[in-house]
């Protein structure tokens, strides 16, 4: 948005160009980087790619393609905000349980993690 107040300074300096894509994906023959523990987990298991119609696709590319398409065309992603929230909370609970050495519970009414 060329009228963005949040990014006004960066737009004026030319760091952000509203008329150009903010994200660009250039596929290669192999993985060029592993950017998170999740990607490392999948990379070690050979799960970085998916095949659609016999053609190999990077799963990160497919995820971003779907997400951007939903933004542009008003669709609903395969993993919406509610499902993503549940999955993120589950991961946080597991991490806290491991680090604190105790069971964690979810208080749905307060929407917070509680100690067991």
PDB file of N, CA and C in Angstrom:
ATOM      1  N   UNK A   1       0.848  -1.174   0.000  1.00  0.00           N
ATOM      2  CA  UNK A   1       0.000   0.000   0.000  1.00  0.00           C
ATOM      3  C   UNK A   1       0.896   1.240   0.000  1.00  0.00           C
ATOM      4  N   UNK A   2       0.874   2.030  -1.049  1.00  0.00           N
ATOM      5  CA  UNK A   2       1.731   3.211  -1.116  1.00  0.00           C
ATOM      6  C   UNK A   2       1.399   4.263  -0.053  1.00  0.00           C
ATOM      7  N   UNK A   3       0.232   4.138   0.575  1.00  0.00           N
ATOM      8  CA  UNK A   3      -0.178   5.094   1.620  1.00  0.00           C
ATOM      9  C   UNK A   3       0.082   4.561   3.029  1.00  0.00           C
ATOM     10  N   UNK A   4       0.800   3.471   3.150  1.00  0.00           N
ATOM     11  CA  UNK A   4       1.066   2.849   4.446  1.00  0.00           C
ATOM     12  C   UNK A   4       1.787   3.814   5.380  1.00  0.00           C
ATOM     13  N   UNK A   5       1.217   4.009   6.558  1.00  0.00           N
ATOM     14  CA  UNK A   5       1.862   4.835   7.580  1.00  0.00           C
ATOM     15  C   UNK A   5       2.983   4.047   8.253  1.00  0.00           C
ATOM     16  N   UNK A   6       2.756   2.757   8.454  1.00  0.00           N
ATOM     17  CA  UNK A   6       3.737   1.915   9.126  1.00  0.00           C
ATOM     18  C   UNK A   6       5.059   1.863   8.353  1.00  0.00           C
ATOM     19  N   UNK A   7       4.985   1.803   7.036  1.00  0.00           N
ATOM     20  CA  UNK A   7       6.185   1.665   6.212  1.00  0.00           C
ATOM     21  C   UNK A   7       6.506   2.932   5.415  1.00  0.00           C
ATOM     22  N   UNK A   8       5.930   4.066   5.809  1.00  0.00           N
ATOM     23  CA  UNK A   8       6.085   5.329   5.085  1.00  0.00           C
ATOM     24  C   UNK A   8       7.552   5.676   4.843  1.00  0.00           C
ATOM     25  N   UNK A   9       8.358   5.609   5.885  1.00  0.00           N
ATOM     26  CA  UNK A   9       9.772   5.981   5.772  1.00  0.00           C
ATOM     27  C   UNK A   9      10.510   5.061   4.792  1.00  0.00           C
ATOM     28  N   UNK A  10      10.245   3.762   4.875  1.00  0.00           N
ATOM     29  CA  UNK A  10      10.917   2.807   3.987  1.00  0.00           C
ATOM     30  C   UNK A  10      10.450   2.971   2.542  1.00  0.00           C
ATOM     31  N   UNK A  11       9.194   3.355   2.356  1.00  0.00           N
ATOM     32  CA  UNK A  11       8.679   3.605   1.006  1.00  0.00           C
ATOM     33  C   UNK A  11       9.360   4.844   0.434  1.00  0.00           C
ATOM     34  N   UNK A  12       9.448   5.901   1.247  1.00  0.00           N
ATOM     35  CA  UNK A  12      10.088   7.142   0.801  1.00  0.00           C
ATOM     36  C   UNK A  12      11.557   6.938   0.459  1.00  0.00           C
ATOM     37  N   UNK A  13      12.252   6.063   1.206  1.00  0.00           N
ATOM     38  CA  UNK A  13      13.672   5.796   0.954  1.00  0.00           C
ATOM     39  C   UNK A  13      13.880   4.806  -0.196  1.00  0.00           C
ATOM     40  N   UNK A  14      12.792   4.210  -0.684  1.00  0.00           N
ATOM     41  CA  UNK A  14      12.898   3.254  -1.777  1.00  0.00           C
ATOM     42  C   UNK A  14      13.255   1.848  -1.342  1.00  0.00           C
ATOM     43  N   UNK A  15      13.262   1.608  -0.029  1.00  0.00           N
ATOM     44  CA  UNK A  15      13.557   0.268   0.482  1.00  0.00           C
ATOM     45  C   UNK A  15      12.406  -0.670   0.143  1.00  0.00           C
ATOM     46  N   UNK A  16      11.188  -0.173   0.336  1.00  0.00           N
ATOM     47  CA  UNK A  16       9.983  -0.918  -0.034  1.00  0.00           C
ATOM     48  C   UNK A  16       9.382  -0.218  -1.241  1.00  0.00           C
ATOM     49  N   UNK A  17       9.113  -1.000  -2.277  1.00  0.00           N
ATOM     50  CA  UNK A  17       8.534  -0.463  -3.507  1.00  0.00           C
ATOM     51  C   UNK A  17       7.135  -1.049  -3.665  1.00  0.00           C
ATOM     52  N   UNK A  18       6.102  -0.254  -3.361  1.00  0.00           N
ATOM     53  CA  UNK A  18       4.726  -0.767  -3.368  1.00  0.00           C
ATOM     54  C   UNK A  18       4.279  -1.397  -4.682  1.00  0.00           C
ATOM     55  N   UNK A  19       4.861  -1.011  -5.796  1.00  0.00           N
ATOM     56  CA  UNK A  19       4.460  -1.555  -7.085  1.00  0.00           C
ATOM     57  C   UNK A  19       5.148  -2.854  -7.455  1.00  0.00           C
ATOM     58  N   UNK A  20       6.045  -3.331  -6.584  1.00  0.00           N
ATOM     59  CA  UNK A  20       6.780  -4.559  -6.864  1.00  0.00           C
ATOM     60  C   UNK A  20       6.444  -5.625  -5.829  1.00  0.00           C
ATOM     61  N   UNK A  21       6.574  -6.909  -6.202  1.00  0.00           N
ATOM     62  CA  UNK A  21       6.281  -7.975  -5.229  1.00  0.00           C
ATOM     63  C   UNK A  21       7.182  -7.866  -4.002  1.00  0.00           C
ATOM     64  N   UNK A  22       6.590  -8.055  -2.842  1.00  0.00           N
ATOM     65  CA  UNK A  22       7.336  -8.001  -1.585  1.00  0.00           C
ATOM     66  C   UNK A  22       8.096  -9.303  -1.371  1.00  0.00           C
ATOM     67  N   UNK A  23       7.550 -10.379  -1.874  1.00  0.00           N
ATOM     68  CA  UNK A  23       8.157 -11.705  -1.752  1.00  0.00           C
ATOM     69  C   UNK A  23       8.408 -12.238  -3.150  1.00  0.00           C
ATOM     70  N   UNK A  24       9.577 -12.779  -3.367  1.00  0.00           N
ATOM     71  CA  UNK A  24       9.901 -13.367  -4.658  1.00  0.00           C
ATOM     72  C   UNK A  24      10.472 -14.757  -4.430  1.00  0.00           C
ATOM     73  N   UNK A  25       9.985 -15.711  -5.174  1.00  0.00           N
ATOM     74  CA  UNK A  25      10.460 -17.090  -5.055  1.00  0.00           C
ATOM     75  C   UNK A  25      11.116 -17.484  -6.366  1.00  0.00           C
ATOM     76  N   UNK A  26      12.379 -17.871  -6.292  1.00  0.00           N
ATOM     77  CA  UNK A  26      13.100 -18.330  -7.470  1.00  0.00           C
ATOM     78  C   UNK A  26      13.503 -19.779  -7.211  1.00  0.00           C
ATOM     79  N   UNK A  27      12.785 -20.739  -7.808  1.00  0.00           N
ATOM     80  CA  UNK A  27      13.085 -22.145  -7.534  1.00  0.00           C
ATOM     81  C   UNK A  27      14.441 -22.558  -8.093  1.00  0.00           C
ATOM     82  N   UNK A  28      15.078 -23.461  -7.376  1.00  0.00           N
ATOM     83  CA  UNK A  28      16.363 -23.989  -7.817  1.00  0.00           C
ATOM     84  C   UNK A  28      16.316 -25.501  -7.835  1.00  0.00           C
ATOM     85  N   UNK A  29      17.450 -26.096  -8.051  1.00  0.00           N
ATOM     86  CA  UNK A  29      17.516 -27.552  -8.114  1.00  0.00           C
ATOM     87  C   UNK A  29      17.570 -28.188  -6.737  1.00  0.00           C
ATOM     88  N   UNK A  30      17.980 -27.425  -5.741  1.00  0.00           N
ATOM     89  CA  UNK A  30      18.097 -27.991  -4.403  1.00  0.00           C
ATOM     90  C   UNK A  30      17.759 -26.936  -3.361  1.00  0.00           C
ATOM     91  N   UNK A  31      17.736 -27.353  -2.115  1.00  0.00           N
ATOM     92  CA  UNK A  31      17.435 -26.457  -1.011  1.00  0.00           C
ATOM     93  C   UNK A  31      18.578 -25.468  -0.864  1.00  0.00           C
ATOM     94  N   UNK A  32      18.275 -24.167  -0.807  1.00  0.00           N
ATOM     95  CA  UNK A  32      19.335 -23.177  -0.663  1.00  0.00           C
ATOM     96  C   UNK A  32      19.524 -22.750   0.784  1.00  0.00           C
ATOM     97  N   UNK A  33      18.544 -23.042   1.637  1.00  0.00           N
ATOM     98  CA  UNK A  33      18.661 -22.691   3.058  1.00  0.00           C
ATOM     99  C   UNK A  33      17.581 -23.412   3.847  1.00  0.00           C
ATOM    100  N   UNK A  34      17.859 -23.662   5.104  1.00  0.00           N
ATOM    101  CA  UNK A  34      16.866 -24.197   6.027  1.00  0.00           C
ATOM    102  C   UNK A  34      16.670 -23.109   7.061  1.00  0.00           C
ATOM    103  N   UNK A  35      15.470 -22.519   7.079  1.00  0.00           N
ATOM    104  CA  UNK A  35      15.264 -21.313   7.878  1.00  0.00           C
ATOM    105  C   UNK A  35      14.628 -21.531   9.246  1.00  0.00           C
ATOM    106  N   UNK A  36      14.279 -22.754   9.577  1.00  0.00           N
ATOM    107  CA  UNK A  36      13.668 -22.964  10.887  1.00  0.00           C
ATOM    108  C   UNK A  36      13.868 -24.402  11.345  1.00  0.00           C
ATOM    109  N   UNK A  37      13.622 -24.610  12.624  1.00  0.00           N
ATOM    110  CA  UNK A  37      13.712 -25.967  13.172  1.00  0.00           C
ATOM    111  C   UNK A  37      12.696 -26.881  12.503  1.00  0.00           C
ATOM    112  N   UNK A  38      11.530 -26.338  12.168  1.00  0.00           N
ATOM    113  CA  UNK A  38      10.498 -27.133  11.504  1.00  0.00           C
ATOM    114  C   UNK A  38      10.994 -27.600  10.145  1.00  0.00           C
ATOM    115  N   UNK A  39      11.581 -26.684   9.379  1.00  0.00           N
ATOM    116  CA  UNK A  39      12.095 -27.072   8.066  1.00  0.00           C
ATOM    117  C   UNK A  39      13.217 -28.092   8.200  1.00  0.00           C
ATOM    118  N   UNK A  40      14.060 -27.933   9.213  1.00  0.00           N
ATOM    119  CA  UNK A  40      15.137 -28.892   9.439  1.00  0.00           C
ATOM    120  C   UNK A  40      14.560 -30.277   9.717  1.00  0.00           C
ATOM    121  N   UNK A  41      13.506 -30.333  10.528  1.00  0.00           N
ATOM    122  CA  UNK A  41      12.829 -31.595  10.838  1.00  0.00           C
ATOM    123  C   UNK A  41      12.367 -32.274   9.548  1.00  0.00           C
ATOM    124  N   UNK A  42      11.691 -31.508   8.686  1.00  0.00           N
ATOM    125  CA  UNK A  42      11.184 -32.073   7.440  1.00  0.00           C
ATOM    126  C   UNK A  42      12.312 -32.406   6.472  1.00  0.00           C
ATOM    127  N   UNK A  43      13.357 -31.578   6.443  1.00  0.00           N
ATOM    128  CA  UNK A  43      14.490 -31.821   5.541  1.00  0.00           C
ATOM    129  C   UNK A  43      15.177 -33.133   5.877  1.00  0.00           C
ATOM    130  N   UNK A  44      15.370 -33.403   7.170  1.00  0.00           N
ATOM    131  CA  UNK A  44      16.033 -34.636   7.595  1.00  0.00           C
ATOM    132  C   UNK A  44      15.228 -35.874   7.217  1.00  0.00           C
ATOM    133  N   UNK A  45      13.944 -35.717   6.996  1.00  0.00           N
ATOM    134  CA  UNK A  45      13.072 -36.839   6.663  1.00  0.00           C
ATOM    135  C   UNK A  45      12.706 -36.870   5.173  1.00  0.00           C
ATOM    136  N   UNK A  46      13.328 -35.982   4.409  1.00  0.00           N
ATOM    137  CA  UNK A  46      13.062 -35.955   2.972  1.00  0.00           C
ATOM    138  C   UNK A  46      11.682 -35.452   2.622  1.00  0.00           C
ATOM    139  N   UNK A  47      11.127 -34.586   3.454  1.00  0.00           N
ATOM    140  CA  UNK A  47       9.757 -34.118   3.244  1.00  0.00           C
ATOM    141  C   UNK A  47       9.689 -32.662   2.785  1.00  0.00           C
ATOM    142  N   UNK A  48      10.703 -32.197   2.065  1.00  0.00           N
ATOM    143  CA  UNK A  48      10.706 -30.814   1.600  1.00  0.00           C
ATOM    144  C   UNK A  48       9.912 -30.619   0.318  1.00  0.00           C
ATOM    145  N   UNK A  49       9.595 -31.715  -0.355  1.00  0.00           N
ATOM    146  CA  UNK A  49       8.941 -31.594  -1.643  1.00  0.00           C
ATOM    147  C   UNK A  49       7.633 -32.367  -1.679  1.00  0.00           C
ATOM    148  N   UNK A  50       6.760 -31.900  -2.558  1.00  0.00           N
ATOM    149  CA  UNK A  50       5.498 -32.580  -2.815  1.00  0.00           C
ATOM    150  C   UNK A  50       5.392 -32.720  -4.328  1.00  0.00           C
ATOM    151  N   UNK A  51       4.678 -33.715  -4.777  1.00  0.00           N
ATOM    152  CA  UNK A  51       4.529 -33.932  -6.205  1.00  0.00           C
ATOM    153  C   UNK A  51       3.078 -33.714  -6.603  1.00  0.00           C
ATOM    154  N   UNK A  52       2.882 -32.843  -7.577  1.00  0.00           N
ATOM    155  CA  UNK A  52       1.554 -32.529  -8.089  1.00  0.00           C
ATOM    156  C   UNK A  52       1.585 -32.764  -9.591  1.00  0.00           C
ATOM    157  N   UNK A  53       0.774 -33.714 -10.047  1.00  0.00           N
ATOM    158  CA  UNK A  53       0.745 -34.031 -11.472  1.00  0.00           C
ATOM    159  C   UNK A  53       2.100 -34.464 -12.008  1.00  0.00           C
ATOM    160  N   UNK A  54       2.884 -35.162 -11.168  1.00  0.00           N
ATOM    161  CA  UNK A  54       4.193 -35.644 -11.582  1.00  0.00           C
ATOM    162  C   UNK A  54       5.304 -34.606 -11.516  1.00  0.00           C
ATOM    163  N   UNK A  55       4.981 -33.376 -11.143  1.00  0.00           N
ATOM    164  CA  UNK A  55       5.981 -32.314 -11.055  1.00  0.00           C
ATOM    165  C   UNK A  55       6.329 -32.053  -9.595  1.00  0.00           C
ATOM    166  N   UNK A  56       7.631 -31.895  -9.315  1.00  0.00           N
ATOM    167  CA  UNK A  56       8.096 -31.677  -7.944  1.00  0.00           C
ATOM    168  C   UNK A  56       7.975 -30.199  -7.564  1.00  0.00           C
ATOM    169  N   UNK A  57       7.417 -29.960  -6.360  1.00  0.00           N
ATOM    170  CA  UNK A  57       7.287 -28.600  -5.836  1.00  0.00           C
ATOM    171  C   UNK A  57       7.857 -28.539  -4.431  1.00  0.00           C
ATOM    172  N   UNK A  58       8.501 -27.435  -4.120  1.00  0.00           N
ATOM    173  CA  UNK A  58       8.964 -27.149  -2.765  1.00  0.00           C
ATOM    174  C   UNK A  58       7.714 -26.862  -1.930  1.00  0.00           C
ATOM    175  N   UNK A  59       7.557 -27.534  -0.793  1.00  0.00           N
ATOM    176  CA  UNK A  59       6.348 -27.350   0.022  1.00  0.00           C
ATOM    177  C   UNK A  59       6.234 -25.932   0.564  1.00  0.00           C
ATOM    178  N   UNK A  60       7.362 -25.262   0.815  1.00  0.00           N
ATOM    179  CA  UNK A  60       7.305 -23.866   1.256  1.00  0.00           C
ATOM    180  C   UNK A  60       6.699 -23.008   0.158  1.00  0.00           C
ATOM    181  N   UNK A  61       7.099 -23.265  -1.079  1.00  0.00           N
ATOM    182  CA  UNK A  61       6.539 -22.539  -2.214  1.00  0.00           C
ATOM    183  C   UNK A  61       5.031 -22.754  -2.302  1.00  0.00           C
ATOM    184  N   UNK A  62       4.592 -24.007  -2.171  1.00  0.00           N
ATOM    185  CA  UNK A  62       3.157 -24.292  -2.253  1.00  0.00           C
ATOM    186  C   UNK A  62       2.390 -23.583  -1.144  1.00  0.00           C
ATOM    187  N   UNK A  63       2.948 -23.581   0.068  1.00  0.00           N
ATOM    188  CA  UNK A  63       2.297 -22.912   1.196  1.00  0.00           C
ATOM    189  C   UNK A  63       2.168 -21.413   0.921  1.00  0.00           C
ATOM    190  N   UNK A  64       3.256 -20.785   0.508  1.00  0.00           N
ATOM    191  CA  UNK A  64       3.225 -19.347   0.239  1.00  0.00           C
ATOM    192  C   UNK A  64       2.337 -19.008  -0.948  1.00  0.00           C
ATOM    193  N   UNK A  65       2.361 -19.861  -1.969  1.00  0.00           N
ATOM    194  CA  UNK A  65       1.516 -19.635  -3.146  1.00  0.00           C
ATOM    195  C   UNK A  65       0.043 -19.636  -2.743  1.00  0.00           C
ATOM    196  N   UNK A  66      -0.348 -20.612  -1.937  1.00  0.00           N
ATOM    197  CA  UNK A  66      -1.741 -20.687  -1.495  1.00  0.00           C
ATOM    198  C   UNK A  66      -2.103 -19.480  -0.639  1.00  0.00           C
ATOM    199  N   UNK A  67      -1.223 -19.123   0.291  1.00  0.00           N
ATOM    200  CA  UNK A  67      -1.471 -18.006   1.197  1.00  0.00           C
ATOM    201  C   UNK A  67      -1.637 -16.699   0.424  1.00  0.00           C
ATOM    202  N   UNK A  68      -0.714 -16.438  -0.510  1.00  0.00           N
ATOM    203  CA  UNK A  68      -0.797 -15.212  -1.302  1.00  0.00           C
ATOM    204  C   UNK A  68      -2.027 -15.212  -2.196  1.00  0.00           C
ATOM    205  N   UNK A  69      -2.377 -16.358  -2.743  1.00  0.00           N
ATOM    206  CA  UNK A  69      -3.575 -16.460  -3.573  1.00  0.00           C
ATOM    207  C   UNK A  69      -4.829 -16.144  -2.762  1.00  0.00           C
ATOM    208  N   UNK A  70      -4.887 -16.627  -1.533  1.00  0.00           N
ATOM    209  CA  UNK A  70      -6.036 -16.337  -0.660  1.00  0.00           C
ATOM    210  C   UNK A  70      -6.129 -14.848  -0.349  1.00  0.00           C
ATOM    211  N   UNK A  71      -4.987 -14.211  -0.142  1.00  0.00           N
ATOM    212  CA  UNK A  71      -4.979 -12.770   0.118  1.00  0.00           C
ATOM    213  C   UNK A  71      -5.479 -12.019  -1.107  1.00  0.00           C
ATOM    214  N   UNK A  72      -4.963 -12.383  -2.261  1.00  0.00           N
ATOM    215  CA  UNK A  72      -5.310 -11.671  -3.494  1.00  0.00           C
ATOM    216  C   UNK A  72      -6.749 -11.900  -3.939  1.00  0.00           C
ATOM    217  N   UNK A  73      -7.246 -13.114  -3.738  1.00  0.00           N
ATOM    218  CA  UNK A  73      -8.548 -13.468  -4.293  1.00  0.00           C
ATOM    219  C   UNK A  73      -9.623 -13.742  -3.242  1.00  0.00           C
ATOM    220  N   UNK A  74      -9.297 -13.528  -1.967  1.00  0.00           N
ATOM    221  CA  UNK A  74     -10.292 -13.692  -0.909  1.00  0.00           C
ATOM    222  C   UNK A  74     -10.642 -15.128  -0.583  1.00  0.00           C
ATOM    223  N   UNK A  75      -9.736 -16.047  -0.774  1.00  0.00           N
ATOM    224  CA  UNK A  75     -10.008 -17.454  -0.483  1.00  0.00           C
ATOM    225  C   UNK A  75      -9.742 -17.824   0.964  1.00  0.00           C
ATOM    226  N   UNK A  76      -9.880 -19.101   1.255  1.00  0.00           N
ATOM    227  CA  UNK A  76      -9.615 -19.631   2.590  1.00  0.00           C
ATOM    228  C   UNK A  76      -8.467 -20.628   2.490  1.00  0.00           C
ATOM    229  N   UNK A  77      -7.379 -20.425   3.242  1.00  0.00           N
ATOM    230  CA  UNK A  77      -6.249 -21.356   3.158  1.00  0.00           C
ATOM    231  C   UNK A  77      -6.573 -22.713   3.765  1.00  0.00           C
ATOM    232  N   UNK A  78      -5.811 -23.723   3.365  1.00  0.00           N
ATOM    233  CA  UNK A  78      -6.013 -25.078   3.889  1.00  0.00           C
ATOM    234  C   UNK A  78      -5.847 -25.104   5.401  1.00  0.00           C
ATOM    235  N   UNK A  79      -4.930 -24.309   5.918  1.00  0.00           N
ATOM    236  CA  UNK A  79      -4.726 -24.203   7.363  1.00  0.00           C
ATOM    237  C   UNK A  79      -5.031 -22.766   7.752  1.00  0.00           C
ATOM    238  N   UNK A  80      -6.251 -22.532   8.215  1.00  0.00           N
ATOM    239  CA  UNK A  80      -6.669 -21.188   8.596  1.00  0.00           C
ATOM    240  C   UNK A  80      -6.106 -20.763   9.940  1.00  0.00           C
ATOM    241  N   UNK A  81      -6.450 -19.564  10.346  1.00  0.00           N
ATOM    242  CA  UNK A  81      -5.907 -18.987  11.570  1.00  0.00           C
ATOM    243  C   UNK A  81      -6.264 -19.807  12.808  1.00  0.00           C
ATOM    244  N   UNK A  82      -7.466 -20.357  12.863  1.00  0.00           N
ATOM    245  CA  UNK A  82      -7.863 -21.139  14.041  1.00  0.00           C
ATOM    246  C   UNK A  82      -7.038 -22.417  14.172  1.00  0.00           C
ATOM    247  N   UNK A  83      -6.860 -23.131  13.067  1.00  0.00           N
ATOM    248  CA  UNK A  83      -6.058 -24.357  13.095  1.00  0.00           C
ATOM    249  C   UNK A  83      -4.596 -24.022  13.389  1.00  0.00           C
ATOM    250  N   UNK A  84      -4.083 -22.955  12.785  1.00  0.00           N
ATOM    251  CA  UNK A  84      -2.695 -22.551  13.034  1.00  0.00           C
ATOM    252  C   UNK A  84      -2.499 -22.178  14.501  1.00  0.00           C
ATOM    253  N   UNK A  85      -3.487 -21.507  15.088  1.00  0.00           N
ATOM    254  CA  UNK A  85      -3.423 -21.137  16.505  1.00  0.00           C
ATOM    255  C   UNK A  85      -3.330 -22.393  17.370  1.00  0.00           C
ATOM    256  N   UNK A  86      -4.201 -23.373  17.089  1.00  0.00           N
ATOM    257  CA  UNK A  86      -4.196 -24.617  17.863  1.00  0.00           C
ATOM    258  C   UNK A  86      -2.855 -25.341  17.736  1.00  0.00           C
ATOM    259  N   UNK A  87      -2.313 -25.385  16.529  1.00  0.00           N
ATOM    260  CA  UNK A  87      -1.039 -26.070  16.322  1.00  0.00           C
ATOM    261  C   UNK A  87       0.106 -25.332  17.008  1.00  0.00           C
ATOM    262  N   UNK A  88       0.092 -24.004  16.963  1.00  0.00           N
ATOM    263  CA  UNK A  88       1.149 -23.227  17.619  1.00  0.00           C
ATOM    264  C   UNK A  88       1.086 -23.394  19.134  1.00  0.00           C
ATOM    265  N   UNK A  89      -0.123 -23.354  19.700  1.00  0.00           N
ATOM    266  CA  UNK A  89      -0.282 -23.526  21.149  1.00  0.00           C
ATOM    267  C   UNK A  89       0.197 -24.916  21.564  1.00  0.00           C
ATOM    268  N   UNK A  90      -0.143 -25.922  20.774  1.00  0.00           N
ATOM    269  CA  UNK A  90       0.300 -27.285  21.072  1.00  0.00           C
ATOM    270  C   UNK A  90       1.823 -27.355  21.112  1.00  0.00           C
ATOM    271  N   UNK A  91       2.470 -26.722  20.139  1.00  0.00           N
ATOM    272  CA  UNK A  91       3.939 -26.711  20.109  1.00  0.00           C
ATOM    273  C   UNK A  91       4.502 -25.965  21.314  1.00  0.00           C
ATOM    274  N   UNK A  92       3.909 -24.824  21.657  1.00  0.00           N
ATOM    275  CA  UNK A  92       4.371 -24.059  22.826  1.00  0.00           C
ATOM    276  C   UNK A  92       4.198 -24.862  24.114  1.00  0.00           C
ATOM    277  N   UNK A  93       3.067 -25.558  24.225  1.00  0.00           N
ATOM    278  CA  UNK A  93       2.827 -26.372  25.418  1.00  0.00           C
ATOM    279  C   UNK A  93       3.869 -27.479  25.530  1.00  0.00           C
ATOM    280  N   UNK A  94       4.183 -28.104  24.411  1.00  0.00           N
ATOM    281  CA  UNK A  94       5.192 -29.157  24.417  1.00  0.00           C
ATOM    282  C   UNK A  94       6.562 -28.632  24.813  1.00  0.00           C
ATOM    283  N   UNK A  95       6.915 -27.481  24.292  1.00  0.00           N
ATOM    284  CA  UNK A  95       8.207 -26.872  24.636  1.00  0.00           C
ATOM    285  C   UNK A  95       8.269 -26.529  26.114  1.00  0.00           C
ATOM    286  N   UNK A  96       7.225 -25.892  26.616  1.00  0.00           N
ATOM    287  CA  UNK A  96       7.206 -25.526  28.041  1.00  0.00           C
ATOM    288  C   UNK A  96       7.233 -26.763  28.930  1.00  0.00           C
ATOM    289  N   UNK A  97       6.475 -27.785  28.550  1.00  0.00           N
ATOM    290  CA  UNK A  97       6.454 -29.020  29.349  1.00  0.00           C
ATOM    291  C   UNK A  97       7.855 -29.625  29.409  1.00  0.00           C
ATOM    292  N   UNK A  98       8.534 -29.635  28.285  1.00  0.00           N
ATOM    293  CA  UNK A  98       9.894 -30.179  28.232  1.00  0.00           C
ATOM    294  C   UNK A  98      10.853 -29.341  29.082  1.00  0.00           C
ATOM    295  N   UNK A  99      10.840 -28.036  28.888  1.00  0.00           N
ATOM    296  CA  UNK A  99      11.774 -27.155  29.597  1.00  0.00           C
ATOM    297  C   UNK A  99      11.510 -27.088  31.099  1.00  0.00           C
ATOM    298  N   UNK A 100      10.236 -27.141  31.483  1.00  0.00           N
ATOM    299  CA  UNK A 100       9.882 -27.030  32.898  1.00  0.00           C
ATOM    300  C   UNK A 100       9.742 -28.384  33.583  1.00  0.00           C
ATOM    301  N   UNK A 101       9.763 -29.464  32.790  1.00  0.00           N
ATOM    302  CA  UNK A 101       9.669 -30.801  33.366  1.00  0.00           C
ATOM    303  C   UNK A 101       8.338 -31.080  34.040  1.00  0.00           C
ATOM    304  N   UNK A 102       7.275 -30.552  33.473  1.00  0.00           N
ATOM    305  CA  UNK A 102       5.944 -30.774  34.046  1.00  0.00           C
ATOM    306  C   UNK A 102       4.887 -30.773  32.940  1.00  0.00           C
ATOM    307  N   UNK A 103       3.724 -31.273  33.268  1.00  0.00           N
ATOM    308  CA  UNK A 103       2.614 -31.305  32.325  1.00  0.00           C
ATOM    309  C   UNK A 103       2.007 -29.916  32.208  1.00  0.00           C
ATOM    310  N   UNK A 104       1.600 -29.563  31.003  1.00  0.00           N
ATOM    311  CA  UNK A 104       0.924 -28.288  30.763  1.00  0.00           C
ATOM    312  C   UNK A 104      -0.514 -28.568  30.337  1.00  0.00           C
ATOM    313  N   UNK A 105      -1.391 -27.659  30.682  1.00  0.00           N
ATOM    314  CA  UNK A 105      -2.804 -27.768  30.314  1.00  0.00           C
ATOM    315  C   UNK A 105      -3.244 -26.494  29.619  1.00  0.00           C
ATOM    316  N   UNK A 106      -4.295 -26.608  28.830  1.00  0.00           N
ATOM    317  CA  UNK A 106      -4.846 -25.459  28.128  1.00  0.00           C
ATOM    318  C   UNK A 106      -6.138 -25.036  28.811  1.00  0.00           C
ATOM    319  N   UNK A 107      -6.201 -23.792  29.252  1.00  0.00           N
ATOM    320  CA  UNK A 107      -7.412 -23.223  29.840  1.00  0.00           C
ATOM    321  C   UNK A 107      -8.150 -22.515  28.707  1.00  0.00           C
ATOM    322  N   UNK A 108      -9.153 -23.186  28.149  1.00  0.00           N
ATOM    323  CA  UNK A 108      -9.872 -22.660  26.991  1.00  0.00           C
ATOM    324  C   UNK A 108     -10.629 -21.377  27.307  1.00  0.00           C
ATOM    325  N   UNK A 109     -11.139 -21.274  28.526  1.00  0.00           N
ATOM    326  CA  UNK A 109     -11.900 -20.078  28.902  1.00  0.00           C
ATOM    327  C   UNK A 109     -11.006 -18.835  28.924  1.00  0.00           C
ATOM    328  N   UNK A 110      -9.815 -18.985  29.512  1.00  0.00           N
ATOM    329  CA  UNK A 110      -8.879 -17.856  29.605  1.00  0.00           C
ATOM    330  C   UNK A 110      -7.940 -17.775  28.396  1.00  0.00           C
ATOM    331  N   UNK A 111      -7.961 -18.830  27.582  1.00  0.00           N
ATOM    332  CA  UNK A 111      -7.056 -18.956  26.442  1.00  0.00           C
ATOM    333  C   UNK A 111      -5.607 -18.759  26.872  1.00  0.00           C
ATOM    334  N   UNK A 112      -5.192 -19.594  27.827  1.00  0.00           N
ATOM    335  CA  UNK A 112      -3.810 -19.544  28.292  1.00  0.00           C
ATOM    336  C   UNK A 112      -3.340 -20.920  28.736  1.00  0.00           C
ATOM    337  N   UNK A 113      -2.024 -21.081  28.714  1.00  0.00           N
ATOM    338  CA  UNK A 113      -1.399 -22.327  29.147  1.00  0.00           C
ATOM    339  C   UNK A 113      -1.252 -22.272  30.660  1.00  0.00           C
ATOM    340  N   UNK A 114      -1.618 -23.387  31.315  1.00  0.00           N
ATOM    341  CA  UNK A 114      -1.467 -23.461  32.769  1.00  0.00           C
ATOM    342  C   UNK A 114      -0.588 -24.652  33.116  1.00  0.00           C
ATOM    343  N   UNK A 115       0.062 -24.568  34.247  1.00  0.00           N
ATOM    344  CA  UNK A 115       0.949 -25.646  34.693  1.00  0.00           C
ATOM    345  C   UNK A 115       0.156 -26.768  35.337  1.00  0.00           C
ATOM    346  N   UNK A 116       0.670 -27.979  35.162  1.00  0.00           N
ATOM    347  CA  UNK A 116       0.027 -29.136  35.763  1.00  0.00           C
ATOM    348  C   UNK A 116       0.637 -29.489  37.085  1.00  0.00           C
TER     349      UNK A 116
END
